[in-house]
Protein backbone atom coordinates (compact mmCIF):
# COMPACT_ATOMS: atom_id res chain seq x y z
CA MET A 1 -9.18 1.32 -7.71
CA THR A 2 -5.78 -8.10 -10.57
CA LEU A 3 -4.17 -12.07 -10.43
CA THR A 4 -2.83 -15.87 -12.49
CA ARG A 5 -0.41 -15.77 -15.27
CA VAL A 6 -2.31 -16.92 -18.37
CA PHE A 7 -1.75 -13.88 -20.56
CA ARG A 8 1.05 -13.14 -22.99
CA PRO A 9 3.58 -10.39 -22.31
CA LEU A 10 2.41 -6.86 -23.01
CA PRO A 11 3.88 -5.44 -26.25
CA ARG A 12 6.54 -2.77 -26.25
CA THR A 13 4.10 -0.44 -28.00
CA VAL A 14 2.01 -0.13 -24.85
CA THR A 15 2.88 0.47 -21.25
CA ARG A 16 1.68 -1.35 -18.17
CA PRO A 17 -1.97 -0.45 -17.54
CA VAL A 18 -1.66 -0.75 -13.76
CA SER A 19 -4.53 0.64 -11.71
CA VAL A 20 -4.88 1.78 -8.14
CA LEU A 21 -7.97 -0.41 -8.17
CA VAL A 22 -5.65 -3.12 -6.90
CA VAL A 23 -4.90 -0.93 -3.92
CA LEU A 24 -8.52 0.09 -3.52
CA ALA A 25 -9.57 -3.56 -3.59
CA TRP A 26 -7.16 -3.98 -0.70
CA VAL A 27 -7.94 -0.74 1.14
CA VAL A 28 -11.72 -0.97 0.81
CA GLN A 29 -11.44 -4.46 2.22
CA MET A 30 -9.31 -2.94 4.94
CA ALA A 31 -12.39 -0.83 5.57
CA THR A 32 -14.70 -3.83 5.58
CA LEU A 33 -12.35 -6.76 5.88
CA VAL A 34 -8.61 -6.52 6.41
CA ARG A 35 -7.93 -2.94 7.53
CA ALA A 36 -4.10 -2.68 7.78
CA ALA A 37 -0.83 -3.51 6.05
CA TYR A 38 2.84 -2.58 6.21
CA LEU A 39 6.08 -2.16 4.33
CA GLU A 40 9.41 -3.59 5.48
CA SER A 41 11.29 -0.53 6.77
CA PRO A 42 13.58 0.67 9.56
CA ALA A 43 10.58 2.32 11.19
CA LEU A 44 8.76 -0.98 11.56
CA ALA A 45 10.20 -1.87 14.98
CA ALA A 46 9.30 1.55 16.34
CA ASP A 47 5.78 1.26 14.93
CA LEU A 48 5.25 -2.13 16.55
CA SER A 49 6.78 -1.21 19.91
CA ARG A 50 3.50 0.35 21.01
CA TYR A 51 1.79 -3.04 21.02
CA GLY A 52 1.80 -4.95 24.28
CA SER A 53 0.90 -8.46 25.32
CA GLY A 54 -2.80 -7.82 24.76
CA ALA A 55 -2.38 -6.96 21.06
CA GLN A 56 -4.03 -9.07 18.37
CA TRP A 57 -1.75 -10.35 15.60
CA LYS A 58 -3.05 -11.59 12.26
CA GLY A 59 -1.60 -13.08 9.11
CA VAL A 60 -2.79 -11.76 5.74
CA TYR A 61 -3.19 -14.30 2.92
CA TYR A 62 -4.13 -13.98 -0.71
CA ARG A 63 -5.16 -17.17 -2.52
CA GLY A 64 -2.98 -19.23 -0.23
CA GLU A 65 0.07 -16.95 -0.38
CA LYS A 66 1.03 -15.03 2.73
CA ILE A 67 1.45 -11.38 1.77
CA GLY A 68 1.77 -9.65 5.13
CA PHE A 69 0.58 -9.26 8.69
CA MET A 70 -1.32 -6.81 10.85
CA VAL A 71 -1.53 -6.00 14.54
CA GLY A 72 -4.05 -4.01 16.58
CA GLN A 73 -4.99 -3.17 20.13
CA SER A 74 -7.43 -1.19 22.26
CA GLN A 75 -6.38 1.07 25.15
CA ALA A 76 -8.65 2.78 27.67
CA THR A 77 -8.69 6.59 27.89
CA GLU A 78 -10.42 8.93 30.36
CA ASP A 79 -13.64 9.04 28.33
CA GLY A 80 -13.43 6.01 26.05
CA TYR A 81 -10.83 4.06 24.10
CA GLU A 82 -8.06 4.53 21.56
CA LEU A 83 -7.91 1.87 18.86
CA THR A 84 -4.80 1.41 16.72
CA GLU A 85 -3.73 -0.94 13.92
CA ASP A 86 -0.50 -1.33 11.96
CA GLY A 87 0.89 -3.92 9.61
CA ARG A 88 2.73 -4.52 6.34
CA LEU A 89 1.81 -5.85 2.94
CA GLN A 90 3.72 -6.79 -0.20
CA MET A 91 2.28 -7.97 -3.50
CA MET A 92 3.20 -8.38 -7.14
CA LEU A 93 1.76 -6.28 -9.96
CA LEU A 94 2.71 -7.36 -13.49
CA GLY A 95 5.96 -8.89 -12.36
CA ALA A 96 7.01 -5.95 -10.16
CA THR A 97 6.99 -6.32 -6.38
CA THR A 98 5.32 -3.40 -4.65
CA ALA A 99 4.61 -2.69 -1.01
CA ALA A 100 2.57 -0.43 1.24
CA ARG A 101 2.42 0.68 4.84
CA ILE A 102 -0.86 1.63 6.50
CA HIS A 103 -1.59 2.99 9.96
CA THR A 104 -5.07 3.60 11.38
CA SER A 105 -6.08 4.95 14.76
CA ALA A 106 -9.43 6.02 16.17
CA ARG A 107 -10.70 7.61 19.36
CA VAL A 108 -14.12 6.39 20.49
CA ASP A 109 -16.44 6.84 23.46
CA ARG A 110 -17.41 4.14 25.96
CA ALA A 111 -19.93 2.68 23.48
CA PHE A 112 -17.22 2.67 20.78
CA ASN A 113 -18.90 5.45 18.79
CA LEU A 114 -16.40 7.31 16.62
CA ARG A 115 -15.03 10.72 17.69
CA SER A 116 -11.87 11.13 15.60
CA PHE A 117 -9.51 9.11 13.41
CA ALA A 118 -6.16 9.24 11.63
CA PHE A 119 -5.24 7.19 8.57
CA SER A 120 -2.02 7.06 6.55
CA LEU A 121 -0.79 5.11 3.54
CA ASP A 122 2.92 5.12 2.69
CA PRO A 123 4.18 3.41 -0.49
CA GLY A 124 7.78 4.19 0.50
CA THR A 125 7.92 7.77 -0.76
CA GLY A 126 6.19 9.30 2.26
CA PRO A 127 2.68 8.97 3.69
CA ILE A 128 -0.59 10.47 2.55
CA GLU A 129 -2.27 11.35 5.86
CA ILE A 130 -6.03 11.71 6.28
CA SER A 131 -7.53 12.71 9.62
CA GLY A 132 -11.04 13.51 10.73
CA THR A 133 -12.96 14.83 13.73
CA LEU A 134 -16.64 14.14 14.24
CA GLU A 135 -18.94 16.63 15.96
CA GLY A 136 -22.51 15.40 15.75
CA ARG A 137 -23.05 14.78 12.04
CA LYS A 138 -20.32 17.18 10.94
CA LEU A 139 -17.10 15.54 9.85
CA GLY A 140 -14.04 17.77 9.63
CA LEU A 141 -11.47 16.29 7.23
CA ARG A 142 -7.80 17.14 6.71
CA VAL A 143 -5.60 15.70 3.96
CA LYS A 144 -1.82 16.10 4.18
CA THR A 145 0.71 15.07 1.52
CA PRO A 146 4.36 14.13 2.16
CA THR A 147 5.47 17.53 0.88
CA GLY A 148 3.51 19.19 3.69
CA GLY A 149 0.59 20.44 1.60
CA THR A 150 -2.74 20.31 3.41
CA ARG A 151 -6.37 20.70 2.46
CA SER A 152 -9.33 20.81 4.84
CA GLU A 153 -13.08 20.58 4.46
CA THR A 154 -16.19 19.92 6.55
CA ARG A 155 -18.93 17.52 5.48
CA GLU A 156 -22.49 17.30 6.75
CA LEU A 157 -23.40 13.60 7.03
CA ALA A 158 -26.85 12.04 7.22
CA GLU A 159 -25.81 10.14 10.36
CA PRO A 160 -22.63 9.65 12.41
CA PRO A 161 -20.40 7.09 10.65
CA SER A 162 -18.36 4.16 11.85
CA LEU A 163 -14.89 3.07 10.80
CA ALA A 164 -13.94 -0.56 10.24
CA LEU A 165 -11.60 -0.12 13.17
CA ASN A 166 -14.35 0.55 15.72
CA LEU A 167 -17.26 -1.25 14.07
CA PRO A 168 -16.76 -4.79 15.52
CA ARG A 169 -16.40 -3.35 19.04
CA GLN A 170 -19.44 -1.15 18.47
CA LEU A 171 -21.52 -4.16 17.37
CA ALA A 172 -20.39 -6.21 20.37
CA ALA A 173 -21.19 -3.37 22.76
CA ALA A 174 -24.73 -3.21 21.34
CA GLY A 175 -25.08 -6.99 21.60
CA LEU A 176 -24.66 -9.62 18.88
CA GLU A 177 -27.18 -12.37 18.32
CA PRO A 178 -27.99 -14.72 15.40
CA GLY A 179 -30.46 -13.27 12.89
CA MET A 180 -29.67 -9.66 13.74
CA LYS A 181 -29.66 -7.26 10.75
CA ARG A 182 -28.40 -3.70 10.71
CA THR A 183 -27.71 -1.00 8.16
CA LEU A 184 -25.35 1.74 9.25
CA SER A 185 -23.15 4.44 7.81
CA ALA A 186 -19.48 3.51 7.26
CA PHE A 187 -16.72 5.95 6.36
CA ASP A 188 -13.74 4.75 4.31
CA PRO A 189 -10.80 7.15 4.91
CA ALA A 190 -8.90 5.76 1.91
CA THR A 191 -11.55 6.97 -0.55
CA LEU A 192 -13.07 9.75 1.62
CA ARG A 193 -16.44 8.15 1.02
CA ASN A 194 -19.33 7.60 3.39
CA ALA A 195 -21.66 4.79 2.30
CA PRO A 196 -24.24 2.41 3.78
CA MET A 197 -23.05 -0.92 5.14
CA GLU A 198 -25.45 -3.83 5.53
CA LEU A 199 -24.71 -6.33 8.29
CA ARG A 200 -26.28 -9.69 9.03
CA VAL A 201 -25.36 -12.03 11.91
CA GLU A 202 -25.68 -15.49 10.35
CA GLY A 203 -24.96 -17.63 13.40
CA ARG A 204 -22.57 -18.57 16.16
CA GLU A 205 -19.84 -21.18 15.77
CA VAL A 206 -16.42 -22.23 16.99
CA ILE A 207 -13.41 -21.61 14.74
CA TRP A 208 -9.70 -22.34 15.19
CA ALA A 209 -7.52 -19.24 15.69
CA ALA A 210 -4.09 -18.67 17.29
CA ASN A 211 -3.79 -22.39 18.08
CA LYS A 212 -7.04 -22.63 20.02
CA PRO A 213 -10.81 -22.91 19.47
CA VAL A 214 -12.66 -19.58 19.72
CA PRO A 215 -16.47 -19.09 19.88
CA ALA A 216 -17.50 -16.29 17.51
CA PHE A 217 -20.44 -14.85 15.59
CA ARG A 218 -20.33 -15.16 11.80
CA VAL A 219 -21.18 -11.72 10.37
CA LYS A 220 -21.71 -10.95 6.69
CA ALA A 221 -21.08 -7.35 5.61
CA THR A 222 -21.90 -5.67 2.29
CA PHE A 223 -20.11 -2.39 1.64
CA GLN A 224 -19.71 -0.64 -1.73
CA GLY A 225 -20.73 -3.86 -3.46
CA LEU A 226 -18.13 -6.01 -1.72
CA VAL A 227 -19.36 -8.86 0.46
CA SER A 228 -17.09 -10.07 3.26
CA THR A 229 -17.52 -12.48 6.15
CA SER A 230 -16.06 -11.89 9.61
CA TRP A 231 -16.03 -13.96 12.77
CA ILE A 232 -16.43 -11.64 15.77
CA THR A 233 -16.19 -12.61 19.43
CA ASP A 234 -18.53 -11.42 22.18
CA VAL A 235 -16.09 -8.61 23.05
CA GLY A 236 -15.69 -7.42 19.46
CA GLU A 237 -12.41 -9.10 18.49
CA VAL A 238 -12.24 -10.23 14.87
CA VAL A 239 -10.54 -13.63 14.63
CA ARG A 240 -11.04 -14.36 10.93
CA GLU A 241 -12.12 -12.41 7.85
CA GLU A 242 -12.71 -13.55 4.27
CA SER A 243 -13.68 -12.05 0.93
CA PRO A 244 -14.71 -13.71 -2.36
CA MET A 245 -11.64 -12.10 -3.98
CA GLY A 246 -9.41 -14.50 -2.07
CA LEU A 247 -8.20 -12.30 0.79
CA ILE A 248 -8.13 -13.97 4.20
CA VAL A 249 -7.05 -12.45 7.51
CA LEU A 250 -6.55 -14.93 10.33
CA ARG A 251 -5.73 -14.34 13.98
CA GLU A 252 -2.37 -15.93 14.80
CA THR A 253 0.34 -15.83 17.39
CA ARG A 254 2.85 -13.01 16.97
CA ASP A 255 5.60 -15.38 15.80
CA ARG A 256 3.38 -17.06 13.22
CA ALA A 257 1.87 -13.81 12.00
CA THR A 258 5.25 -12.19 11.39
CA ALA A 259 7.03 -15.31 10.09
CA LEU A 260 7.59 -15.05 6.35
CA ALA A 261 5.15 -12.15 6.35
CA VAL A 262 6.70 -10.82 3.16
CA PRO A 263 8.47 -13.60 1.29
CA GLY A 264 11.24 -12.80 -1.12
CA SER A 265 9.08 -13.72 -4.10
CA VAL A 266 5.34 -13.27 -3.97
CA GLN A 267 4.03 -15.73 -6.53
CA VAL A 268 0.55 -14.32 -7.00
CA ASP A 269 0.34 -11.56 -9.60
CA MET A 270 -2.70 -9.61 -8.42
CA LEU A 271 -3.26 -7.46 -11.51
CA ARG A 272 -3.25 -10.40 -13.91
CA ALA A 273 -5.77 -12.40 -11.94
CA ALA A 274 -8.27 -9.55 -12.05
CA ALA A 275 -7.97 -9.08 -15.80
CA ILE A 276 -11.09 -9.98 -17.79
CA PRO A 277 -10.41 -12.39 -20.70
CA ALA A 278 -12.12 -11.16 -23.88
CA SER A 279 -14.47 -13.49 -25.75
CA GLY A 280 -16.10 -13.06 -29.13
CA ALA A 281 -14.41 -11.16 -31.96
CA ARG A 282 -10.63 -10.85 -31.54
CA ILE A 283 -9.04 -7.41 -31.21
CA VAL A 284 -5.57 -7.30 -32.75
CA ASP A 285 -4.72 -3.63 -32.13
CA GLY A 286 -7.14 -1.31 -30.36
CA THR A 287 -5.36 1.79 -31.69
CA GLN A 288 -6.50 0.86 -35.22
CA LEU A 289 -10.18 0.83 -34.28
CA GLU A 290 -12.76 3.50 -34.97
CA SER A 291 -15.54 1.86 -32.90
CA LEU A 292 -16.22 -1.14 -30.67
CA ARG A 293 -19.38 -2.92 -29.51
CA ALA A 294 -19.17 -5.26 -26.54
CA ARG A 295 -21.51 -6.97 -24.10
CA VAL A 296 -20.64 -6.44 -20.42
CA THR A 297 -22.16 -8.92 -17.97
CA GLY A 298 -21.62 -9.58 -14.27
CA PHE A 299 -21.57 -5.86 -13.48
CA ALA A 300 -24.51 -3.48 -13.95
CA LEU A 301 -23.48 -0.38 -15.89
CA ASP A 302 -25.30 2.88 -15.13
CA ALA A 303 -26.19 4.54 -18.44
CA ALA A 304 -26.42 7.99 -16.85
CA GLU A 305 -22.93 7.69 -15.41
CA THR A 306 -21.09 5.84 -18.17
CA SER A 307 -22.51 7.50 -21.29
CA GLY A 308 -20.56 10.30 -22.95
CA ALA A 309 -17.08 10.88 -24.37
CA GLY A 310 -17.97 8.57 -27.28
CA GLN A 311 -19.58 5.83 -25.16
CA SER A 312 -23.25 4.80 -25.17
CA LEU A 313 -25.17 1.96 -23.53
CA ASP A 314 -28.09 -0.17 -24.74
CA GLY A 315 -29.00 -2.70 -22.07
CA ASP A 316 -25.79 -4.60 -21.37
CA VAL A 317 -24.23 -3.68 -24.74
CA VAL A 318 -21.77 -0.82 -24.71
CA GLN A 319 -20.62 0.99 -27.84
CA VAL A 320 -17.49 3.13 -27.88
CA VAL A 321 -16.58 5.32 -30.86
CA ASP A 322 -13.58 7.53 -31.44
CA SER A 323 -14.46 10.39 -29.08
CA ALA A 324 -12.85 12.92 -31.45
CA THR A 325 -15.70 12.30 -33.93
CA GLN A 326 -18.33 13.73 -31.56
CA LYS A 327 -20.32 16.83 -32.43
CA PRO A 328 -20.10 19.84 -30.08
CA ALA A 329 -22.94 20.20 -27.58
CA PRO A 330 -23.76 22.77 -24.86
CA ALA A 331 -21.52 22.52 -21.81
CA GLY A 332 -23.34 21.15 -18.77
CA ALA A 333 -22.87 21.81 -15.06
CA GLU A 334 -20.24 19.05 -14.95
CA VAL A 335 -17.91 21.21 -17.03
CA GLU A 336 -17.69 23.94 -14.40
CA ARG A 337 -17.28 21.38 -11.60
CA ALA A 338 -14.46 19.76 -13.54
CA LYS A 339 -12.43 22.97 -13.44
CA LYS A 340 -12.17 23.15 -9.65
CA PRO A 341 -9.51 21.70 -7.31
CA GLU A 342 -10.22 18.66 -5.14
CA PRO A 343 -8.44 17.22 -2.06
CA LEU A 344 -5.97 15.14 -4.11
CA ILE A 345 -6.25 17.07 -7.38
CA GLU A 346 -4.46 20.26 -6.33
CA SER A 347 -4.99 22.27 -9.52
CA ASP A 348 -4.69 25.51 -7.53
CA ALA A 349 -1.12 24.71 -6.41
CA PRO A 350 1.51 27.04 -7.95
CA GLU A 351 3.73 24.07 -8.81
CA ILE A 352 0.95 22.41 -10.82
CA ALA A 353 0.14 25.63 -12.64
CA ALA A 354 3.80 26.23 -13.50
CA GLU A 355 4.19 22.71 -14.90
CA ALA A 356 1.00 23.11 -16.93
CA ARG A 357 2.32 26.33 -18.52
CA LYS A 358 5.56 24.55 -19.30
CA ALA A 359 3.69 21.67 -20.95
CA ILE A 360 1.31 23.76 -23.03
CA GLY A 361 3.75 26.46 -24.10
CA ASP A 362 2.28 29.01 -26.50
CA SER A 363 -0.57 26.79 -27.69
CA THR A 364 -4.00 28.46 -27.48
CA GLU A 365 -6.35 26.05 -29.30
CA PRO A 366 -8.12 23.82 -26.69
CA LYS A 367 -7.61 20.49 -28.48
CA ALA A 368 -3.94 21.22 -29.13
CA ARG A 369 -3.47 22.18 -25.47
CA ALA A 370 -5.10 18.91 -24.39
CA GLU A 371 -2.77 16.94 -26.66
CA ARG A 372 0.35 18.73 -25.48
CA LEU A 373 -0.61 17.83 -21.89
CA THR A 374 -1.14 14.19 -22.87
CA ARG A 375 2.26 13.84 -24.51
CA TYR A 376 3.98 15.80 -21.74
CA VAL A 377 2.60 13.74 -18.86
CA ALA A 378 3.25 10.51 -20.80
CA ALA A 379 6.95 11.42 -21.04
CA LEU A 380 7.28 13.00 -17.61
CA LEU A 381 6.40 9.99 -15.44
CA GLU A 382 8.34 6.77 -15.07
CA LYS A 383 5.92 3.91 -15.60
CA LYS A 384 5.98 1.84 -12.43
CA PRO A 385 3.32 0.01 -10.38
CA THR A 386 2.68 1.84 -7.13
CA VAL A 387 0.61 1.30 -4.01
CA SER A 388 -0.65 4.75 -3.13
CA LEU A 389 -3.52 7.20 -2.93
CA PRO A 390 -2.24 9.52 -5.66
CA SER A 391 -1.96 13.24 -5.03
CA ALA A 392 -1.16 15.40 -8.06
CA LEU A 393 1.48 17.34 -6.11
CA GLU A 394 3.12 14.13 -4.94
CA VAL A 395 3.10 12.69 -8.44
CA LEU A 396 4.76 15.84 -9.71
CA ARG A 397 7.41 15.48 -7.00
CA THR A 398 8.17 11.77 -7.45
CA ARG A 399 7.46 11.54 -11.21
CA VAL A 400 6.67 7.86 -10.84
CA GLY A 401 3.43 5.94 -11.10
CA ASP A 402 0.90 3.90 -13.00
CA CYS A 403 -2.36 4.94 -14.63
CA ASN A 404 -3.82 6.63 -11.56
CA GLU A 405 -0.76 8.83 -11.07
CA HIS A 406 -0.77 9.77 -14.78
CA THR A 407 -4.48 10.51 -14.63
CA VAL A 408 -4.53 12.59 -11.46
CA LEU A 409 -1.57 14.69 -12.62
CA TYR A 410 -3.11 15.25 -16.05
CA VAL A 411 -6.46 16.28 -14.58
CA ALA A 412 -4.81 18.71 -12.14
CA MET A 413 -2.61 20.27 -14.85
CA ALA A 414 -5.55 20.55 -17.26
CA ARG A 415 -7.68 22.31 -14.65
CA ALA A 416 -4.77 24.61 -13.80
CA ALA A 417 -4.66 25.53 -17.49
CA GLY A 418 -8.37 26.35 -17.53
CA LEU A 419 -9.50 23.09 -19.17
CA ALA A 420 -12.29 21.03 -17.62
CA ALA A 421 -11.05 17.50 -16.95
CA ARG A 422 -12.32 14.47 -15.04
CA VAL A 423 -11.27 10.93 -14.14
CA ALA A 424 -12.69 7.91 -15.99
CA VAL A 425 -12.22 4.39 -14.62
CA GLY A 426 -12.92 1.13 -16.37
CA VAL A 427 -11.01 -1.33 -18.52
CA VAL A 428 -8.73 -1.23 -21.56
CA HIS A 429 -7.90 -4.04 -23.98
CA VAL A 430 -4.37 -5.45 -24.10
CA HIS A 431 -3.52 -8.84 -25.68
CA ASN A 432 -6.98 -10.39 -25.70
CA ALA A 433 -7.84 -9.34 -22.15
CA PHE A 434 -9.33 -6.25 -20.54
CA TYR A 435 -7.32 -4.79 -17.67
CA TYR A 436 -8.60 -2.39 -15.02
CA HIS A 437 -7.42 1.10 -15.87
CA ALA A 438 -7.94 4.84 -15.31
CA TRP A 439 -7.61 7.71 -17.79
CA PRO A 440 -8.67 11.37 -18.11
CA GLU A 441 -11.46 12.93 -20.11
CA VAL A 442 -11.01 16.57 -21.09
CA PHE A 443 -13.69 18.98 -22.34
CA VAL A 444 -12.67 20.46 -25.68
CA GLU A 445 -14.46 23.73 -26.44
CA SER A 446 -15.21 24.46 -30.09
CA ASN A 447 -16.65 27.85 -29.19
CA PRO A 448 -17.69 29.45 -25.88
CA GLY A 449 -20.18 27.26 -24.04
CA ARG A 450 -20.07 24.38 -26.54
CA GLY A 451 -17.76 21.40 -26.94
CA TYR A 452 -17.37 17.70 -26.20
CA TRP A 453 -15.67 15.37 -23.74
CA LEU A 454 -12.59 13.74 -25.24
CA ALA A 455 -11.03 10.58 -23.77
CA VAL A 456 -7.22 10.71 -23.63
CA ASP A 457 -4.66 8.35 -22.10
CA PRO A 458 -1.31 9.74 -20.94
CA THR A 459 -0.34 6.35 -19.48
CA LEU A 460 -0.48 4.76 -22.94
CA ASN A 461 0.40 8.03 -24.71
CA GLN A 462 -2.85 7.95 -26.72
CA PHE A 463 -4.61 11.04 -28.04
CA PRO A 464 -7.47 10.37 -28.24
CA ALA A 465 -7.77 7.15 -26.25
CA ASP A 466 -8.65 4.15 -28.41
CA PRO A 467 -12.21 2.70 -28.39
CA THR A 468 -11.21 -0.30 -26.24
CA HIS A 469 -11.37 2.05 -23.24
CA ILE A 470 -14.71 1.07 -21.66
CA VAL A 471 -15.88 3.39 -18.88
CA LEU A 472 -17.39 1.70 -15.82
CA ALA A 473 -17.55 4.83 -13.64
CA ARG A 474 -16.34 8.42 -13.52
CA GLY A 475 -14.85 10.33 -10.61
CA GLY A 476 -12.14 10.09 -7.98
CA LEU A 477 -11.17 7.30 -5.61
CA ASP A 478 -14.70 7.04 -4.23
CA ARG A 479 -16.07 6.20 -7.67
CA GLN A 480 -13.22 3.80 -8.39
CA ALA A 481 -14.17 1.90 -5.27
CA ALA A 482 -17.71 1.64 -6.65
CA ILE A 483 -16.56 -0.59 -9.52
CA LEU A 484 -14.75 -3.07 -7.28
CA PRO A 485 -17.70 -5.51 -7.49
CA ALA A 486 -16.79 -5.99 -11.17
CA MET A 487 -13.49 -7.58 -10.21
CA GLY A 488 -13.78 -11.33 -10.54
CA ARG A 489 -17.35 -11.12 -11.85
CA ALA A 490 -17.41 -9.01 -15.02
CA GLN A 491 -17.27 -10.70 -18.42
CA ILE A 492 -16.79 -8.95 -21.75
CA GLU A 493 -17.81 -10.32 -25.15
CA VAL A 494 -16.60 -8.33 -28.15
CA LEU A 495 -19.55 -8.23 -30.59
CA SER A 496 -18.18 -6.14 -33.45
CA MET A 497 -15.67 -3.45 -34.34
CA THR A 498 -14.74 -1.15 -37.21
CA ARG A 499 -11.21 -0.24 -38.25
CA ARG A 500 -10.05 3.20 -39.17
CA VAL A 501 -9.87 3.86 -42.88
CA GLY A 502 -6.35 3.72 -44.28
CA VAL A 503 -4.60 2.59 -41.10
CA SER A 504 -1.11 1.12 -41.35
CA ASN A 505 0.86 -1.13 -39.05
CA VAL A 506 2.56 0.62 -36.18
CA LEU A 507 6.30 0.41 -35.56
CA VAL A 508 7.71 1.64 -32.21
CA GLY A 509 4.67 3.84 -31.67
CA ARG A 510 4.77 5.48 -35.15
CA VAL A 511 3.03 4.69 -38.43
CA GLU A 512 5.57 2.97 -40.71
CA ARG A 513 5.44 5.56 -43.48
CA ASP A 514 5.40 8.51 -41.08
CA VAL A 515 8.99 9.73 -40.90
CA ARG A 516 8.23 13.29 -39.82
CA PRO A 517 9.70 14.55 -36.52
CA LEU A 518 7.27 14.83 -33.61
CA ASP A 519 5.91 18.36 -33.51
CA ILE A 520 5.23 18.26 -29.77
CA PRO A 521 8.22 18.87 -27.47
CA LEU A 522 8.63 16.23 -24.77
CA PRO A 523 10.37 16.66 -21.41
CA LYS A 524 13.61 14.78 -20.83
CA ARG A 525 14.24 12.38 -17.96
CA GLY A 526 17.59 11.52 -16.46
CA SER A 527 16.83 7.79 -16.32
CA GLY A 528 15.45 5.39 -18.90
CA MET A 529 11.74 4.79 -19.28
CA ALA A 530 11.32 1.45 -17.56
CA CYS A 531 7.67 1.26 -18.58
CA TRP A 532 8.46 -0.65 -21.75
CA SER A 533 9.89 -3.69 -19.98
CA ARG A 534 7.96 -6.91 -20.47
CA PRO A 535 6.39 -8.82 -17.59
CA PRO A 536 7.68 -12.38 -17.17
CA GLU A 537 6.08 -15.20 -19.13
């Protein structure tokens, strides 16, 4: 939970609405398509030294631009095989170059059925490590952050899953033939989600790879709404992979794969290309709106999942009103769930709790506490595009990130303070386009057992969030991955809107006639807030 430069620069009164959806689009396709990438670093040579002459090297391309390479191999063990992949990737998000390093390994039996795996993603500040061991249908998971914090859990699965790393070998071991169809369970370690994958062998053909013709089966895979096409040999080697989003992975010689793997200037801006141009009525300033009606096509919204916090759905027409105008209602089961820690939302960590107390101070009224947290997190983090799987503890340590880092830290701090909070993912309007974005929703109690969900946005320093925030899904990384099919397909037509009564123009984030000092203390940073810089024309 992105791409051509046709939009005007973002104004200084908003920050960069960068979403980890860009990364998820990449990582989920790693799970079904690409599967590995790497950052230029001193450790690169050591990481690649494990690969011998039998390793497979591949170049990674995005809309004709080479953005990295990957390498993988299979080694026999006493009772099966060990599969490993490494690589590097660099891309541009709103004018800023960002990079990531991913390592995946898996131990499988002789039929390439999964037994255990290890996955890590390092944006340059240290890796998030996710490992798992499979015993029957029980999957034991362990998440470790760069600071050394760990969290473990065991999940009961409906059937043993596969990873993208072992899946092609597993299919080849079972026998590939044109017309074959299979539905199996696939686990994506980046989002900790297990979901069905549909596979169809469309035919057999010869394609050019690594300077020679290679016979391969063309296999179409559908996973979490993303459709990719792979060419797999009889022994399970993937020689080419494609997705409709423009990602292509092609088997190459080592020299060609690594040549110019990360050019000095990556021309494709991934976030911009995934933005959704707005048609219909023109929005000048979303912060001046009281309500918004828009038609969303190309992506099916689920009314049960997307309604609430001021948003309602009628067919393909979504209406968003200022969530602060809602009437209190009984708290549902979701409220209690939204108070508990999760693997990457470590609200039970002492550091998170201490920071939450510091942010809230002596405030006791729930809405005031929620606002203090919004302003505090907005000022605490340096606005910068990142390629990571955000952990609240890591965000607190690095104090850098985009909307996902702001959101995960806010949710963790709110829960530590006793407030129910959850993650919303969708789009937000900036300069006549909707950009993929994430923000928190916090439950504001008016009296015990009654209240309402309020949308807030610490990335944009909005309390409450303006009505151009359209929710496409709610939840963590697994839910963000669920909206990936919207990228490149969704269209938004603005049907109507209402302005707030008595609004004035805004100057440097304040109403012109409002000369009062801010009554909410903000933390100080040693460096300037780079989030206000404009992307290039």
